[in-house]
Amino acid sequence: MAVAKGRLVAWVSNSLGKVVSITANVGCTLAFRCHYVDIPRDSPTRTYPSHFSTRLVLYAVAMKSTFLQQQRVATADEFASIPWLAILPDEWRERAQASIRVTRAMPGDYICRVGKPVSHWFGVIEGLIKMSSDSADGKTTTFIGVPSGGWFGEGTVLKREPYRYNIQSLRETTVAGISAEMFMSLLDHSIAFNRFVMQQLNERVSQFISGIEADRMRDPDKRVAHTLVNLMNPSLYPRLGSSVKITQQELADLAGLSRQRVNAALKNLVTQNKIALEYGGLKVLDLKGLMQ
């Protein structure tokens, strides 16, 4: 599927198995999400049932075009929630605000996919996403979760390489992004922004090192504790404080455990006075204890 000059083009297979294209006129606004590669020459051979309905295809195209037009300018409150905007010089703050675009991702939506070229630097205005990859046998490995206030993917933008991971929303999430070109311009003209990005990279390295350790742990309590520590990182997610809104299923997705094991681990952590369960989430009482 592609958009060019206000036209939405989708390649599909008709009842005879022949690849055809469907074109629809839509707005020229593009969402900055990294969608599946749907162009036949760039994708593996696919088969469709003979009864595959062109009417259903047109409906899918209409739904996709609606989503593509959901991109919008950020509100004043959303600008205020972006931690690095305040440290920019006035001129570059205005330029950055003009370039920021916001869209909405529903639970299960992919914001980026493995192999897609980088185009934007992303942040979570409100919600929760996970960074993961899928192995050849279908096993999913989750690297980190990013809650409200977190920005991610700066390493990929700096290297200008295709994504090596998937970014997927775990709940309804408001995502913001600036173009890779604007990101590089801010690095060229703002020392404060450079420091912010350096701190991000340093914290990510620490997260991934501890993540390798956690993957080798057989103790569910420690894996859940490690996941919570990553979510409560004050340098990466300063808006969270000591409480986080998260369901047991979301925590299970991030920790790579079943919901039942997460439930048992949370009860143990409550008994140890390291966390307290709250409506819709939990509160961390002993962050240092969770880190041990």
Protein backbone atom coordinates (compact mmCIF):
# COMPACT_ATOMS: atom_id res chain seq x y z
CA MET A 1 0.00 0.00 0.00
CA ALA A 2 1.37 3.46 -0.86
CA VAL A 3 0.33 7.10 -0.97
CA ALA A 4 1.56 9.53 -3.60
CA LYS A 5 0.24 12.97 -4.54
CA GLY A 6 -2.97 12.48 -2.66
CA ARG A 7 -3.69 9.03 -4.09
CA LEU A 8 -3.90 5.85 -2.02
CA VAL A 9 -2.83 2.74 -3.93
CA ALA A 10 -3.37 -0.83 -2.65
CA TRP A 11 -2.15 -3.99 -4.33
CA VAL A 12 -4.49 -6.97 -3.88
CA SER A 13 -5.23 -10.33 -5.44
CA ASN A 14 -8.48 -10.85 -7.30
CA SER A 15 -10.48 -14.08 -7.49
CA LEU A 16 -8.20 -15.39 -10.27
CA GLY A 17 -5.07 -14.85 -8.20
CA LYS A 18 -3.87 -11.93 -10.31
CA VAL A 19 -2.35 -8.95 -8.54
CA VAL A 20 -4.28 -5.77 -9.25
CA SER A 21 -4.20 -2.27 -7.83
CA ILE A 22 -6.93 -0.14 -6.34
CA THR A 23 -6.50 3.61 -6.31
CA ALA A 24 -8.45 6.08 -4.19
CA ASN A 25 -8.16 9.81 -3.87
CA VAL A 26 -7.29 10.81 -0.31
CA GLY A 27 -5.70 13.73 1.51
CA CYS A 28 -1.95 14.19 1.05
CA THR A 29 -1.25 13.98 4.78
CA LEU A 30 0.86 10.99 5.66
CA ALA A 31 0.98 9.29 9.01
CA PHE A 32 4.58 8.80 10.12
CA ARG A 33 4.05 5.21 11.19
CA CYS A 34 6.10 2.40 9.64
CA HIS A 35 3.55 0.19 7.91
CA TYR A 36 3.92 -3.26 6.43
CA VAL A 37 5.66 -3.50 3.07
CA ASP A 38 2.67 -4.23 0.86
CA ILE A 39 4.21 -3.64 -2.59
CA PRO A 40 4.34 -7.01 -4.40
CA ARG A 41 7.87 -6.56 -5.72
CA ASP A 42 9.16 -5.95 -2.19
CA SER A 43 7.13 -8.60 -0.41
CA PRO A 44 7.04 -12.41 -0.27
CA THR A 45 4.58 -14.22 -2.54
CA ARG A 46 1.16 -14.35 -0.91
CA THR A 47 -2.01 -16.29 -1.64
CA TYR A 48 -5.57 -15.22 -0.99
CA PRO A 49 -8.75 -17.28 -0.87
CA SER A 50 -10.67 -17.34 -4.15
CA HIS A 51 -13.67 -15.76 -2.44
CA PHE A 52 -11.63 -12.75 -1.29
CA SER A 53 -14.06 -9.90 -1.79
CA THR A 54 -13.11 -6.74 -3.68
CA ARG A 55 -15.77 -5.02 -1.59
CA LEU A 56 -13.89 -5.98 1.57
CA VAL A 57 -10.67 -4.72 0.02
CA LEU A 58 -12.25 -1.35 -0.75
CA TYR A 59 -13.50 -1.19 2.85
CA ALA A 60 -9.99 -1.91 4.11
CA VAL A 61 -8.59 0.80 1.85
CA ALA A 62 -11.14 3.27 3.18
CA MET A 63 -10.25 2.40 6.76
CA LYS A 64 -6.54 2.77 6.02
CA SER A 65 -7.04 6.15 4.35
CA THR A 66 -8.99 7.34 7.39
CA PHE A 67 -6.12 6.35 9.63
CA LEU A 68 -3.57 8.04 7.38
CA GLN A 69 -5.40 11.31 7.88
CA GLN A 70 -5.39 11.06 11.68
CA GLN A 71 -2.02 12.79 11.92
CA ARG A 72 -2.39 16.21 13.54
CA VAL A 73 -0.54 19.06 15.19
CA ALA A 74 0.12 18.65 18.92
CA THR A 75 -1.93 20.57 21.47
CA ALA A 76 -0.46 22.96 24.05
CA ASP A 77 -0.78 20.33 26.79
CA GLU A 78 0.97 17.76 24.60
CA PHE A 79 3.81 20.18 23.88
CA ALA A 80 4.15 20.76 27.63
CA SER A 81 4.51 17.00 28.22
CA ILE A 82 7.53 16.68 25.91
CA PRO A 83 10.60 16.89 28.18
CA TRP A 84 13.21 18.05 25.66
CA LEU A 85 11.26 20.97 24.20
CA ALA A 86 11.87 23.21 27.22
CA ILE A 87 15.67 22.93 26.94
CA LEU A 88 15.82 24.15 23.33
CA PRO A 89 16.68 27.73 22.34
CA ASP A 90 13.57 29.72 21.46
CA GLU A 91 14.17 29.63 17.71
CA TRP A 92 14.68 25.88 17.61
CA ARG A 93 11.83 25.23 20.01
CA GLU A 94 9.49 26.95 17.56
CA ARG A 95 10.90 24.95 14.66
CA ALA A 96 10.58 21.69 16.56
CA GLN A 97 7.00 22.42 17.61
CA ALA A 98 6.10 23.18 13.99
CA SER A 99 7.48 19.79 12.92
CA ILE A 100 5.94 17.62 15.66
CA ARG A 101 3.02 15.51 14.55
CA VAL A 102 0.75 13.35 16.70
CA THR A 103 -1.31 10.28 15.91
CA ARG A 104 -3.28 7.65 17.78
CA ALA A 105 -2.37 3.95 17.94
CA MET A 106 -4.89 1.37 19.06
CA PRO A 107 -3.96 -1.72 21.13
CA GLY A 108 -1.93 -4.10 19.00
CA ASP A 109 -1.08 -1.52 16.33
CA TYR A 110 2.49 -1.55 15.04
CA ILE A 111 4.10 1.87 15.04
CA CYS A 112 7.24 0.49 13.37
CA ARG A 113 8.23 -2.88 11.94
CA VAL A 114 11.53 -4.70 11.53
CA GLY A 115 13.27 -3.81 8.26
CA LYS A 116 11.47 -0.53 7.62
CA PRO A 117 13.65 2.57 7.03
CA VAL A 118 13.76 5.14 9.80
CA SER A 119 11.90 8.37 9.13
CA HIS A 120 11.05 9.81 12.57
CA TRP A 121 12.05 9.95 16.20
CA PHE A 122 9.11 8.90 18.36
CA GLY A 123 7.72 9.61 21.81
CA VAL A 124 4.76 8.43 23.87
CA ILE A 125 2.51 11.32 24.87
CA GLU A 126 0.05 9.05 26.67
CA GLY A 127 -0.14 5.28 26.78
CA LEU A 128 2.26 2.33 26.67
CA ILE A 129 4.27 0.66 23.91
CA LYS A 130 6.72 -2.22 23.78
CA MET A 131 9.88 -2.74 21.75
CA SER A 132 10.28 -6.36 20.63
CA SER A 133 11.42 -8.73 17.89
CA ASP A 134 10.08 -12.01 16.53
CA SER A 135 12.28 -15.02 15.85
CA ALA A 136 11.91 -17.37 12.87
CA ASP A 137 9.96 -19.84 15.03
CA GLY A 138 7.46 -17.15 16.04
CA LYS A 139 8.81 -16.48 19.53
CA THR A 140 8.58 -12.85 20.63
CA THR A 141 11.37 -11.27 22.68
CA THR A 142 10.43 -8.03 24.43
CA PHE A 143 13.29 -5.60 25.02
CA ILE A 144 11.67 -2.70 26.87
CA GLY A 145 8.37 -1.00 27.54
CA VAL A 146 8.00 2.75 27.08
CA PRO A 147 5.30 4.53 29.12
CA SER A 148 3.97 8.08 28.92
CA GLY A 149 6.69 10.70 28.54
CA GLY A 150 9.28 8.36 27.03
CA TRP A 151 11.08 8.93 23.72
CA PHE A 152 12.75 6.09 21.88
CA GLY A 153 14.60 5.04 18.74
CA GLU A 154 17.29 7.73 18.79
CA GLY A 155 20.03 5.17 18.12
CA THR A 156 18.29 4.01 14.96
CA VAL A 157 17.81 7.60 13.79
CA LEU A 158 21.49 8.40 14.39
CA LYS A 159 22.63 5.38 12.38
CA ARG A 160 19.92 5.85 9.74
CA GLU A 161 19.54 2.11 9.51
CA PRO A 162 16.36 0.02 9.09
CA TYR A 163 14.55 -0.87 12.30
CA ARG A 164 15.82 -4.02 13.99
CA TYR A 165 12.78 -4.22 16.27
CA ASN A 166 9.03 -3.80 16.28
CA ILE A 167 7.25 -1.02 18.14
CA GLN A 168 3.73 -2.03 19.18
CA SER A 169 1.13 -0.31 21.32
CA LEU A 170 -0.17 -2.28 24.31
CA ARG A 171 -3.09 0.06 24.90
CA GLU A 172 -4.64 3.06 23.16
CA THR A 173 -1.62 5.32 22.83
CA THR A 174 -0.95 8.85 21.64
CA VAL A 175 2.34 8.90 19.74
CA ALA A 176 4.34 11.97 18.72
CA GLY A 177 7.18 12.19 16.26
CA ILE A 178 9.61 14.56 14.58
CA SER A 179 11.32 13.84 11.30
CA ALA A 180 14.81 12.37 11.25
CA GLU A 181 15.98 15.54 9.48
CA MET A 182 14.70 17.77 12.29
CA PHE A 183 16.26 15.44 14.87
CA MET A 184 19.67 15.81 13.21
CA SER A 185 19.24 19.58 12.93
CA LEU A 186 18.55 19.84 16.66
CA LEU A 187 21.72 17.85 17.33
CA ASP A 188 23.68 20.27 15.12
CA HIS A 189 22.37 23.42 16.80
CA SER A 190 21.61 22.63 20.46
CA ILE A 191 24.15 21.47 23.04
CA ALA A 192 21.34 20.89 25.54
CA PHE A 193 19.57 18.58 23.09
CA ASN A 194 22.82 16.68 22.55
CA ARG A 195 23.09 16.11 26.28
CA PHE A 196 19.50 14.91 26.44
CA VAL A 197 20.11 12.38 23.67
CA MET A 198 23.40 11.24 25.24
CA GLN A 199 21.59 10.62 28.53
CA GLN A 200 18.90 8.68 26.66
CA LEU A 201 21.52 6.47 25.00
CA ASN A 202 23.37 5.91 28.27
CA GLU A 203 20.18 4.87 30.06
CA ARG A 204 19.20 2.57 27.20
CA VAL A 205 22.57 0.80 27.37
CA SER A 206 22.01 0.20 31.09
CA GLN A 207 18.50 -1.07 30.38
CA PHE A 208 19.65 -3.55 27.76
CA ILE A 209 22.53 -4.84 29.91
CA SER A 210 20.13 -5.47 32.78
CA GLY A 211 17.69 -6.94 30.28
CA ILE A 212 20.24 -9.58 29.26
CA GLU A 213 20.65 -10.47 32.93
CA ALA A 214 16.88 -10.66 33.38
CA ASP A 215 16.49 -12.98 30.38
CA ARG A 216 18.75 -15.47 32.13
CA MET A 217 16.71 -15.35 35.30
CA ARG A 218 14.37 -18.23 36.02
CA ASP A 219 12.80 -16.40 38.97
CA PRO A 220 9.53 -14.73 37.86
CA ASP A 221 9.66 -12.33 40.82
CA LYS A 222 13.00 -10.94 39.64
CA ARG A 223 11.84 -10.63 36.06
CA VAL A 224 8.76 -8.69 37.10
CA ALA A 225 10.85 -6.53 39.43
CA HIS A 226 13.30 -5.81 36.60
CA THR A 227 10.44 -4.81 34.30
CA LEU A 228 9.05 -2.42 36.91
CA VAL A 229 12.48 -0.87 37.49
CA ASN A 230 12.79 -0.14 33.78
CA LEU A 231 9.33 1.44 33.69
CA MET A 232 10.12 3.64 36.70
CA ASN A 233 13.40 5.04 35.34
CA PRO A 234 13.27 8.72 36.40
CA SER A 235 15.76 9.83 33.74
CA LEU A 236 13.80 8.31 30.85
CA TYR A 237 10.26 8.76 32.19
CA PRO A 238 10.24 11.75 34.59
CA ARG A 239 6.44 12.10 34.46
CA LEU A 240 5.66 8.80 36.16
CA GLY A 241 6.77 9.45 39.73
CA SER A 242 6.33 6.42 41.97
CA SER A 243 3.06 5.15 40.48
CA VAL A 244 2.40 3.52 37.13
CA LYS A 245 -0.89 2.68 35.46
CA ILE A 246 -0.49 -0.82 34.06
CA THR A 247 -2.55 -3.99 33.88
CA GLN A 248 -1.25 -7.43 34.78
CA GLN A 249 -1.58 -8.48 31.13
CA GLU A 250 0.51 -5.51 29.98
CA LEU A 251 3.13 -6.34 32.60
CA ALA A 252 3.09 -9.95 31.44
CA ASP A 253 3.70 -8.84 27.84
CA LEU A 254 6.70 -6.77 28.91
CA ALA A 255 8.17 -9.39 31.25
CA GLY A 256 7.66 -12.29 28.88
CA LEU A 257 5.62 -14.24 31.42
CA SER A 258 2.07 -15.48 31.73
CA ARG A 259 -0.46 -13.28 33.51
CA GLN A 260 -0.81 -15.92 36.22
CA ARG A 261 2.92 -15.86 36.98
CA VAL A 262 2.90 -12.07 37.04
CA ASN A 263 -0.02 -12.13 39.47
CA ALA A 264 1.90 -14.44 41.82
CA ALA A 265 5.06 -12.32 41.52
CA LEU A 266 3.16 -9.12 42.34
CA LYS A 267 1.68 -10.73 45.46
CA ASN A 268 5.19 -11.71 46.59
CA LEU A 269 6.50 -8.19 45.98
CA VAL A 270 3.58 -6.77 47.98
CA THR A 271 4.42 -9.14 50.85
CA GLN A 272 8.01 -7.88 50.73
CA ASN A 273 6.73 -4.26 50.95
CA LYS A 274 8.38 -3.35 47.66
CA ILE A 275 5.18 -2.35 45.88
CA ALA A 276 1.55 -1.57 46.70
CA LEU A 277 -1.27 -2.46 44.33
CA GLU A 278 -3.58 0.39 43.35
CA TYR A 279 -6.67 0.66 41.21
CA GLY A 280 -5.52 0.27 37.61
CA GLY A 281 -1.84 -0.03 38.49
CA LEU A 282 0.68 -0.09 41.29
CA LYS A 283 2.94 2.10 43.42
CA VAL A 284 6.62 1.40 43.96
CA LEU A 285 7.53 1.64 47.65
CA ASP A 286 11.14 0.42 47.50
CA LEU A 287 12.83 1.06 44.15
CA LYS A 288 16.27 0.07 45.46
CA GLY A 289 14.79 -3.17 46.77
CA LEU A 290 13.36 -3.94 43.32
CA MET A 291 16.77 -3.31 41.76
CA GLN A 292 18.49 -5.93 43.90
